[in-house]
Each structure stands twice: as structure tokens, then as C-alpha cells.
Amino acid sequence: MKRKLLIAAGIALTLAGCGSTQNGYSGAHPVQRTTTNEMNTIVFIDHNLNRTDITKSFLGERVRDTVKVTLDRSGISNTATGQLEVWTMIRNRTDYDLQIEGKALFFDANQAPLMDESMWRRVYVPANGTAIYKETSLNDRAEYFLVELREGR
């Protein structure tokens, strides 16, 4: 009888741990899915490239990082014609070549979208190497940007 009670209690605690939430998501989900995107940032929308998973259980939190790529440096500047140019250096942390796709969205002084969105552009990043993603706005009203990165499809 005591054994059955202990087994039932163990199952209940395990299920309670699995049902824990992380900012509204249950189980293990990338922390990045619950954060808002700020202006002038570069985000990974493919969470298999770079993410942090937090799983909560009755034993505490378990943190697991997945890191295929990181961003070494990033910057913005204005071209001679007044357009906004954004760039970032992508570092491949794996032992194999990766294809990364980037897209830039540009915003005006009021942070309103300019409908000045680039197409997805592919960048090849060699194993344990770096590559540069660079994009320029189409008009001179752009003052803010948001770059989205995903693994090539």
C-alpha cells in the first residue's frame, strides 16, 4: 500500500513539473519566444540557431543552451545618399557549413514601419568561420531597423 502511494505521489510530482509554465508556455520552450523585439536589434526567428530552454520541475530549473551561431559585432551607418545601412558579423560555432538567411525591416523616426522590407538573402557561413550580413534601406527616412535571421531553407 505504501509503495503504491509513493508511486502515485512520484507521478503526480512529475506531472506537476511538466505542467510548469515559462511566461505562458508549458514545458521547455525557447525563452526568446516570450521577449519583445526592440528597435535596432538582430533576432533569431529560427530558434534552432541560438536559444535558451528552461524546464521547470520539482527539482528546480534546468537550463539548456543551443548555440549554432552567434553575433560577433553589429552596426549601423548612413550612406552618402542618406539611406540606413545595417550589418552584422555572424560566427558559425559548428563543425559544418551553414546557410543563414537574413531580412531587414526599416522604421521611420516615429518607429512606424516604412514598408521598406528586404527580401530574404542567404549568407554562407563556413564551419567555425564568420560571414557578414548587410542590408540598406530603400529610402532616406529610415532611422530604425530590425533584422531577422533564420537557417537557410
N, C-alpha and C. Protein backbone atom coordinates (compact mmCIF):
# COMPACT_ATOMS: atom_id res chain seq x y z
N MET A 1 0.82 -1.20 0.00
CA MET A 1 0.00 0.00 0.00
C MET A 1 0.86 1.26 0.00
N LYS A 2 1.91 1.27 0.87
CA LYS A 2 2.80 2.43 0.92
C LYS A 2 3.53 2.60 -0.41
N ARG A 3 3.89 1.49 -1.03
CA ARG A 3 4.60 1.54 -2.31
C ARG A 3 3.72 2.19 -3.38
N LYS A 4 2.44 1.81 -3.44
CA LYS A 4 1.52 2.40 -4.41
C LYS A 4 1.33 3.89 -4.15
N LEU A 5 1.27 4.26 -2.90
CA LEU A 5 1.12 5.66 -2.54
C LEU A 5 2.35 6.47 -2.96
N LEU A 6 3.54 5.91 -2.74
CA LEU A 6 4.77 6.58 -3.15
C LEU A 6 4.86 6.72 -4.67
N ILE A 7 4.47 5.69 -5.40
CA ILE A 7 4.48 5.74 -6.86
C ILE A 7 3.49 6.79 -7.35
N ALA A 8 2.30 6.83 -6.77
CA ALA A 8 1.29 7.81 -7.17
C ALA A 8 1.79 9.23 -6.88
N ALA A 9 2.43 9.43 -5.74
CA ALA A 9 2.95 10.75 -5.39
C ALA A 9 4.07 11.16 -6.36
N GLY A 10 4.92 10.21 -6.72
CA GLY A 10 6.00 10.49 -7.67
C GLY A 10 5.47 10.89 -9.04
N ILE A 11 4.45 10.17 -9.50
CA ILE A 11 3.84 10.50 -10.79
C ILE A 11 3.19 11.88 -10.74
N ALA A 12 2.51 12.19 -9.65
CA ALA A 12 1.85 13.48 -9.52
C ALA A 12 2.87 14.62 -9.54
N LEU A 13 3.99 14.45 -8.83
CA LEU A 13 5.03 15.48 -8.81
C LEU A 13 5.67 15.64 -10.19
N THR A 14 5.89 14.54 -10.88
CA THR A 14 6.47 14.61 -12.23
C THR A 14 5.53 15.35 -13.17
N LEU A 15 4.26 15.03 -13.13
CA LEU A 15 3.28 15.71 -13.99
C LEU A 15 3.17 17.18 -13.64
N ALA A 16 3.26 17.50 -12.36
CA ALA A 16 3.21 18.91 -11.95
C ALA A 16 4.41 19.67 -12.51
N GLY A 17 5.58 19.02 -12.52
CA GLY A 17 6.77 19.66 -13.08
C GLY A 17 6.64 19.85 -14.58
N CYS A 18 6.04 18.89 -15.28
CA CYS A 18 5.88 19.00 -16.73
C CYS A 18 4.87 20.08 -17.08
N GLY A 19 3.96 20.34 -16.20
CA GLY A 19 2.93 21.33 -16.48
C GLY A 19 3.34 22.75 -16.12
N SER A 20 4.58 22.92 -15.64
CA SER A 20 5.01 24.26 -15.27
C SER A 20 5.08 25.14 -16.50
N THR A 21 4.98 26.42 -16.29
CA THR A 21 4.97 27.34 -17.43
C THR A 21 6.15 28.28 -17.38
N GLN A 22 6.49 28.75 -18.55
CA GLN A 22 7.55 29.73 -18.69
C GLN A 22 6.95 30.88 -19.48
N ASN A 23 6.54 31.91 -18.79
CA ASN A 23 5.90 33.06 -19.44
C ASN A 23 4.70 32.63 -20.29
N GLY A 24 3.90 31.72 -19.80
CA GLY A 24 2.70 31.31 -20.52
C GLY A 24 2.87 30.07 -21.37
N TYR A 25 4.09 29.61 -21.58
CA TYR A 25 4.33 28.40 -22.36
C TYR A 25 4.60 27.24 -21.41
N SER A 26 4.04 26.08 -21.71
CA SER A 26 4.29 24.94 -20.83
C SER A 26 5.45 24.12 -21.36
N GLY A 27 6.17 23.49 -20.44
CA GLY A 27 7.28 22.65 -20.85
C GLY A 27 8.50 23.47 -21.23
N ALA A 28 9.34 22.88 -22.08
CA ALA A 28 10.58 23.54 -22.50
C ALA A 28 10.37 24.29 -23.81
N HIS A 29 10.47 25.58 -23.77
CA HIS A 29 10.34 26.42 -24.95
C HIS A 29 11.42 27.48 -24.90
N PRO A 30 11.88 27.93 -26.06
CA PRO A 30 12.91 28.96 -26.06
C PRO A 30 12.45 30.22 -25.34
N VAL A 31 13.29 30.74 -24.49
CA VAL A 31 13.00 31.97 -23.76
C VAL A 31 12.76 33.11 -24.75
N GLN A 32 13.46 33.08 -25.89
CA GLN A 32 13.37 34.17 -26.85
C GLN A 32 11.98 34.35 -27.43
N ARG A 33 11.15 33.32 -27.41
CA ARG A 33 9.80 33.44 -27.96
C ARG A 33 8.92 34.33 -27.11
N THR A 34 9.30 34.58 -25.88
CA THR A 34 8.46 35.35 -24.98
C THR A 34 8.95 36.79 -24.79
N THR A 35 10.03 37.15 -25.45
CA THR A 35 10.54 38.51 -25.30
C THR A 35 10.11 39.36 -26.49
N THR A 36 9.95 40.66 -26.25
CA THR A 36 9.56 41.57 -27.33
C THR A 36 10.81 42.03 -28.07
N ASN A 37 10.66 42.31 -29.34
CA ASN A 37 11.78 42.76 -30.16
C ASN A 37 11.91 44.27 -30.07
N GLU A 38 13.05 44.73 -29.65
CA GLU A 38 13.33 46.15 -29.55
C GLU A 38 13.81 46.67 -30.90
N MET A 39 13.77 48.00 -31.08
CA MET A 39 14.30 48.61 -32.29
C MET A 39 15.82 48.47 -32.29
N ASN A 40 16.40 48.45 -33.48
CA ASN A 40 17.84 48.33 -33.69
C ASN A 40 18.41 47.07 -33.05
N THR A 41 17.72 45.96 -33.29
CA THR A 41 18.20 44.68 -32.79
C THR A 41 18.21 43.64 -33.90
N ILE A 42 18.93 42.57 -33.64
CA ILE A 42 19.02 41.44 -34.55
C ILE A 42 18.51 40.23 -33.78
N VAL A 43 17.51 39.55 -34.33
CA VAL A 43 16.87 38.45 -33.62
C VAL A 43 16.94 37.17 -34.45
N PHE A 44 17.02 36.05 -33.74
CA PHE A 44 16.95 34.74 -34.37
C PHE A 44 15.50 34.30 -34.35
N ILE A 45 14.87 34.23 -35.52
CA ILE A 45 13.49 33.75 -35.55
C ILE A 45 13.45 32.24 -35.73
N ASP A 46 14.57 31.64 -36.08
CA ASP A 46 14.72 30.19 -36.11
C ASP A 46 15.42 29.83 -34.81
N HIS A 47 14.67 29.36 -33.85
CA HIS A 47 15.20 29.14 -32.51
C HIS A 47 16.14 27.95 -32.42
N ASN A 48 16.32 27.21 -33.51
CA ASN A 48 17.29 26.13 -33.52
C ASN A 48 18.71 26.64 -33.75
N LEU A 49 18.85 27.91 -34.11
CA LEU A 49 20.17 28.50 -34.32
C LEU A 49 20.81 28.95 -33.02
N ASN A 50 20.02 29.56 -32.15
CA ASN A 50 20.55 30.10 -30.91
C ASN A 50 19.39 30.29 -29.95
N ARG A 51 19.36 29.50 -28.89
CA ARG A 51 18.24 29.61 -27.95
C ARG A 51 18.63 29.13 -26.58
N THR A 52 17.78 29.47 -25.62
CA THR A 52 17.91 29.01 -24.25
C THR A 52 16.57 28.38 -23.86
N ASP A 53 16.61 27.12 -23.46
CA ASP A 53 15.42 26.43 -22.97
C ASP A 53 15.49 26.33 -21.45
N ILE A 54 14.38 26.65 -20.79
CA ILE A 54 14.29 26.50 -19.34
C ILE A 54 13.14 25.55 -19.05
N THR A 55 13.45 24.45 -18.40
CA THR A 55 12.43 23.49 -18.00
C THR A 55 12.35 23.50 -16.48
N LYS A 56 11.14 23.71 -15.97
CA LYS A 56 10.96 23.75 -14.52
C LYS A 56 10.37 22.42 -14.05
N SER A 57 10.88 21.92 -12.93
CA SER A 57 10.35 20.70 -12.32
C SER A 57 10.45 20.85 -10.81
N PHE A 58 10.04 19.84 -10.11
CA PHE A 58 10.08 19.91 -8.66
C PHE A 58 11.53 19.88 -8.16
N LEU A 59 12.47 19.51 -9.01
CA LEU A 59 13.89 19.51 -8.64
C LEU A 59 14.55 20.86 -8.90
N GLY A 60 13.84 21.78 -9.54
CA GLY A 60 14.38 23.09 -9.87
C GLY A 60 14.32 23.36 -11.36
N GLU A 61 15.08 24.33 -11.81
CA GLU A 61 15.11 24.69 -13.23
C GLU A 61 16.29 24.04 -13.91
N ARG A 62 16.06 23.58 -15.14
CA ARG A 62 17.13 23.05 -15.98
C ARG A 62 17.28 23.98 -17.18
N VAL A 63 18.46 24.52 -17.38
CA VAL A 63 18.72 25.44 -18.47
C VAL A 63 19.57 24.72 -19.52
N ARG A 64 19.10 24.76 -20.77
CA ARG A 64 19.84 24.14 -21.87
C ARG A 64 20.01 25.16 -22.99
N ASP A 65 21.25 25.41 -23.37
CA ASP A 65 21.54 26.34 -24.45
C ASP A 65 21.84 25.58 -25.74
N THR A 66 21.30 26.06 -26.84
CA THR A 66 21.61 25.56 -28.17
C THR A 66 22.26 26.72 -28.91
N VAL A 67 23.50 26.54 -29.32
CA VAL A 67 24.21 27.63 -29.97
C VAL A 67 24.88 27.10 -31.24
N LYS A 68 24.28 27.40 -32.39
CA LYS A 68 24.92 27.09 -33.67
C LYS A 68 25.65 28.32 -34.18
N VAL A 69 25.03 29.49 -34.02
CA VAL A 69 25.65 30.74 -34.46
C VAL A 69 25.52 31.79 -33.38
N THR A 70 26.46 32.73 -33.40
CA THR A 70 26.41 33.89 -32.52
C THR A 70 26.70 35.13 -33.36
N LEU A 71 26.43 36.29 -32.80
CA LEU A 71 26.70 37.55 -33.47
C LEU A 71 27.92 38.17 -32.80
N ASP A 72 28.99 38.38 -33.58
CA ASP A 72 30.21 38.95 -33.02
C ASP A 72 30.13 40.46 -32.90
N ARG A 73 29.71 41.11 -33.97
CA ARG A 73 29.61 42.57 -34.00
C ARG A 73 28.44 42.96 -34.87
N SER A 74 27.92 44.13 -34.62
CA SER A 74 26.83 44.68 -35.45
C SER A 74 26.97 46.19 -35.46
N GLY A 75 26.40 46.81 -36.48
CA GLY A 75 26.46 48.26 -36.54
C GLY A 75 25.52 48.84 -37.57
N ILE A 76 25.34 50.16 -37.49
CA ILE A 76 24.53 50.88 -38.47
C ILE A 76 25.29 52.14 -38.88
N SER A 77 25.01 52.59 -40.08
CA SER A 77 25.58 53.85 -40.57
C SER A 77 24.67 54.38 -41.66
N ASN A 78 24.89 55.62 -42.04
CA ASN A 78 24.16 56.23 -43.14
C ASN A 78 25.05 56.27 -44.37
N THR A 79 24.47 55.96 -45.51
CA THR A 79 25.22 56.03 -46.76
C THR A 79 25.32 57.49 -47.19
N ALA A 80 26.07 57.73 -48.24
CA ALA A 80 26.22 59.10 -48.76
C ALA A 80 24.90 59.69 -49.23
N THR A 81 23.95 58.84 -49.62
CA THR A 81 22.64 59.32 -50.08
C THR A 81 21.60 59.36 -48.96
N GLY A 82 22.02 59.08 -47.70
CA GLY A 82 21.12 59.19 -46.56
C GLY A 82 20.37 57.94 -46.19
N GLN A 83 20.62 56.84 -46.87
CA GLN A 83 19.94 55.59 -46.52
C GLN A 83 20.61 54.96 -45.31
N LEU A 84 19.84 54.18 -44.56
CA LEU A 84 20.36 53.49 -43.38
C LEU A 84 20.92 52.15 -43.81
N GLU A 85 22.13 51.85 -43.36
CA GLU A 85 22.78 50.58 -43.66
C GLU A 85 23.04 49.85 -42.35
N VAL A 86 22.63 48.58 -42.29
CA VAL A 86 22.83 47.77 -41.09
C VAL A 86 23.68 46.56 -41.48
N TRP A 87 24.55 46.14 -40.56
CA TRP A 87 25.39 44.97 -40.82
C TRP A 87 25.60 44.21 -39.53
N THR A 88 25.89 42.91 -39.66
CA THR A 88 26.24 42.08 -38.51
C THR A 88 27.20 40.99 -38.95
N MET A 89 28.13 40.65 -38.06
CA MET A 89 29.07 39.57 -38.31
C MET A 89 28.54 38.31 -37.62
N ILE A 90 28.29 37.28 -38.42
CA ILE A 90 27.73 36.02 -37.92
C ILE A 90 28.87 35.02 -37.77
N ARG A 91 28.99 34.41 -36.59
CA ARG A 91 30.01 33.39 -36.36
C ARG A 91 29.35 32.01 -36.24
N ASN A 92 29.83 31.09 -37.05
CA ASN A 92 29.37 29.70 -37.03
C ASN A 92 30.12 28.96 -35.93
N ARG A 93 29.40 28.42 -34.97
CA ARG A 93 30.02 27.70 -33.84
C ARG A 93 30.00 26.19 -34.05
N THR A 94 29.64 25.73 -35.25
CA THR A 94 29.58 24.30 -35.53
C THR A 94 30.78 23.86 -36.37
N ASP A 95 30.91 22.56 -36.56
CA ASP A 95 31.98 21.99 -37.37
C ASP A 95 31.53 21.72 -38.80
N TYR A 96 30.45 22.33 -39.22
CA TYR A 96 29.95 22.16 -40.59
C TYR A 96 29.46 23.51 -41.11
N ASP A 97 29.43 23.63 -42.45
CA ASP A 97 28.98 24.88 -43.08
C ASP A 97 27.50 25.11 -42.83
N LEU A 98 27.10 26.37 -42.70
CA LEU A 98 25.70 26.73 -42.50
C LEU A 98 25.27 27.76 -43.54
N GLN A 99 24.00 27.72 -43.86
CA GLN A 99 23.39 28.76 -44.68
C GLN A 99 22.43 29.53 -43.78
N ILE A 100 22.65 30.82 -43.67
CA ILE A 100 21.81 31.67 -42.83
C ILE A 100 21.10 32.66 -43.76
N GLU A 101 19.83 32.88 -43.51
CA GLU A 101 19.07 33.86 -44.28
C GLU A 101 18.73 35.04 -43.38
N GLY A 102 18.86 36.23 -43.94
CA GLY A 102 18.56 37.44 -43.19
C GLY A 102 17.57 38.31 -43.93
N LYS A 103 16.79 39.06 -43.15
CA LYS A 103 15.83 40.01 -43.70
C LYS A 103 15.82 41.22 -42.78
N ALA A 104 15.83 42.42 -43.37
CA ALA A 104 15.83 43.65 -42.58
C ALA A 104 14.51 44.39 -42.77
N LEU A 105 13.96 44.91 -41.68
CA LEU A 105 12.78 45.76 -41.71
C LEU A 105 13.22 47.13 -41.21
N PHE A 106 12.75 48.18 -41.88
CA PHE A 106 13.17 49.53 -41.53
C PHE A 106 11.96 50.35 -41.06
N PHE A 107 12.23 51.29 -40.12
CA PHE A 107 11.20 52.09 -39.49
C PHE A 107 11.61 53.56 -39.51
N ASP A 108 10.61 54.46 -39.49
CA ASP A 108 10.89 55.90 -39.52
C ASP A 108 11.18 56.43 -38.11
N ALA A 109 11.28 57.75 -37.98
CA ALA A 109 11.61 58.38 -36.70
C ALA A 109 10.58 58.10 -35.62
N ASN A 110 9.33 57.84 -36.00
CA ASN A 110 8.27 57.51 -35.04
C ASN A 110 8.15 56.01 -34.80
N GLN A 111 9.09 55.24 -35.30
CA GLN A 111 9.13 53.79 -35.21
C GLN A 111 7.97 53.12 -35.94
N ALA A 112 7.45 53.81 -36.94
CA ALA A 112 6.40 53.25 -37.80
C ALA A 112 7.07 52.53 -38.96
N PRO A 113 6.52 51.37 -39.35
CA PRO A 113 7.12 50.63 -40.47
C PRO A 113 7.08 51.44 -41.76
N LEU A 114 8.17 51.40 -42.50
CA LEU A 114 8.26 52.12 -43.76
C LEU A 114 7.85 51.24 -44.95
N MET A 115 7.48 50.01 -44.71
CA MET A 115 7.20 49.05 -45.77
C MET A 115 8.44 48.95 -46.66
N ASP A 116 9.56 49.09 -46.04
CA ASP A 116 10.88 49.08 -46.68
C ASP A 116 11.59 47.81 -46.24
N GLU A 117 10.97 46.69 -46.51
CA GLU A 117 11.42 45.39 -46.03
C GLU A 117 12.21 44.68 -47.13
N SER A 118 13.38 44.17 -46.77
CA SER A 118 14.19 43.48 -47.77
C SER A 118 13.67 42.06 -47.97
N MET A 119 14.12 41.45 -49.05
CA MET A 119 13.81 40.04 -49.30
C MET A 119 14.78 39.20 -48.46
N TRP A 120 14.43 37.93 -48.25
CA TRP A 120 15.36 37.03 -47.57
C TRP A 120 16.60 36.89 -48.42
N ARG A 121 17.76 37.11 -47.81
CA ARG A 121 19.03 36.98 -48.52
C ARG A 121 19.91 35.97 -47.79
N ARG A 122 20.49 35.06 -48.55
CA ARG A 122 21.26 33.96 -47.99
C ARG A 122 22.73 34.34 -47.84
N VAL A 123 23.30 33.94 -46.69
CA VAL A 123 24.71 34.15 -46.40
C VAL A 123 25.30 32.78 -46.05
N TYR A 124 26.40 32.42 -46.67
CA TYR A 124 27.07 31.15 -46.38
C TYR A 124 28.13 31.39 -45.32
N VAL A 125 28.04 30.61 -44.24
CA VAL A 125 28.98 30.76 -43.13
C VAL A 125 29.76 29.45 -43.01
N PRO A 126 31.08 29.47 -43.27
CA PRO A 126 31.86 28.23 -43.21
C PRO A 126 31.96 27.70 -41.78
N ALA A 127 32.27 26.42 -41.68
CA ALA A 127 32.43 25.78 -40.37
C ALA A 127 33.43 26.57 -39.52
N ASN A 128 33.03 26.90 -38.31
CA ASN A 128 33.85 27.66 -37.36
C ASN A 128 34.37 28.97 -37.93
N GLY A 129 33.66 29.52 -38.91
CA GLY A 129 34.08 30.77 -39.54
C GLY A 129 33.06 31.88 -39.35
N THR A 130 33.27 32.97 -40.07
CA THR A 130 32.38 34.13 -39.98
C THR A 130 31.94 34.57 -41.37
N ALA A 131 30.85 35.31 -41.39
CA ALA A 131 30.34 35.93 -42.61
C ALA A 131 29.61 37.20 -42.20
N ILE A 132 29.43 38.10 -43.16
CA ILE A 132 28.77 39.39 -42.90
C ILE A 132 27.42 39.42 -43.60
N TYR A 133 26.38 39.81 -42.84
CA TYR A 133 25.07 40.10 -43.44
C TYR A 133 24.94 41.61 -43.43
N LYS A 134 24.61 42.19 -44.60
CA LYS A 134 24.50 43.64 -44.71
C LYS A 134 23.27 43.98 -45.55
N GLU A 135 22.53 45.01 -45.13
CA GLU A 135 21.34 45.44 -45.86
C GLU A 135 21.23 46.96 -45.79
N THR A 136 20.68 47.55 -46.83
CA THR A 136 20.50 49.00 -46.91
C THR A 136 19.03 49.32 -47.15
N SER A 137 18.53 50.36 -46.48
CA SER A 137 17.13 50.76 -46.66
C SER A 137 16.94 51.32 -48.07
N LEU A 138 15.69 51.34 -48.51
CA LEU A 138 15.40 51.83 -49.86
C LEU A 138 15.24 53.34 -49.91
N ASN A 139 14.93 53.96 -48.77
CA ASN A 139 14.77 55.42 -48.79
C ASN A 139 15.53 56.05 -47.63
N ASP A 140 15.58 57.37 -47.59
CA ASP A 140 16.37 58.07 -46.58
C ASP A 140 15.59 58.42 -45.32
N ARG A 141 14.37 57.94 -45.17
CA ARG A 141 13.57 58.21 -43.97
C ARG A 141 13.81 57.18 -42.86
N ALA A 142 14.51 56.10 -43.17
CA ALA A 142 14.74 55.03 -42.19
C ALA A 142 15.67 55.51 -41.08
N GLU A 143 15.24 55.29 -39.83
CA GLU A 143 16.07 55.62 -38.68
C GLU A 143 16.26 54.44 -37.74
N TYR A 144 15.41 53.45 -37.85
CA TYR A 144 15.49 52.26 -37.01
C TYR A 144 15.41 51.02 -37.89
N PHE A 145 15.87 49.89 -37.33
CA PHE A 145 15.82 48.63 -38.07
C PHE A 145 15.52 47.48 -37.14
N LEU A 146 15.14 46.35 -37.74
CA LEU A 146 15.02 45.07 -37.07
C LEU A 146 15.47 44.03 -38.08
N VAL A 147 16.48 43.25 -37.74
CA VAL A 147 16.97 42.20 -38.62
C VAL A 147 16.54 40.86 -38.06
N GLU A 148 15.98 40.02 -38.92
CA GLU A 148 15.58 38.67 -38.56
C GLU A 148 16.49 37.68 -39.24
N LEU A 149 16.97 36.68 -38.48
CA LEU A 149 17.85 35.65 -39.03
C LEU A 149 17.22 34.29 -38.83
N ARG A 150 17.38 33.42 -39.85
CA ARG A 150 16.90 32.03 -39.77
C ARG A 150 17.88 31.15 -40.53
N GLU A 151 17.78 29.85 -40.31
CA GLU A 151 18.62 28.92 -41.05
C GLU A 151 18.08 28.81 -42.46
N GLY A 152 19.00 28.72 -43.45
CA GLY A 152 18.60 28.63 -44.86
C GLY A 152 17.73 27.44 -45.13
N ARG A 153 16.75 27.62 -46.01
CA ARG A 153 15.79 26.56 -46.32
C ARG A 153 16.02 26.02 -47.70
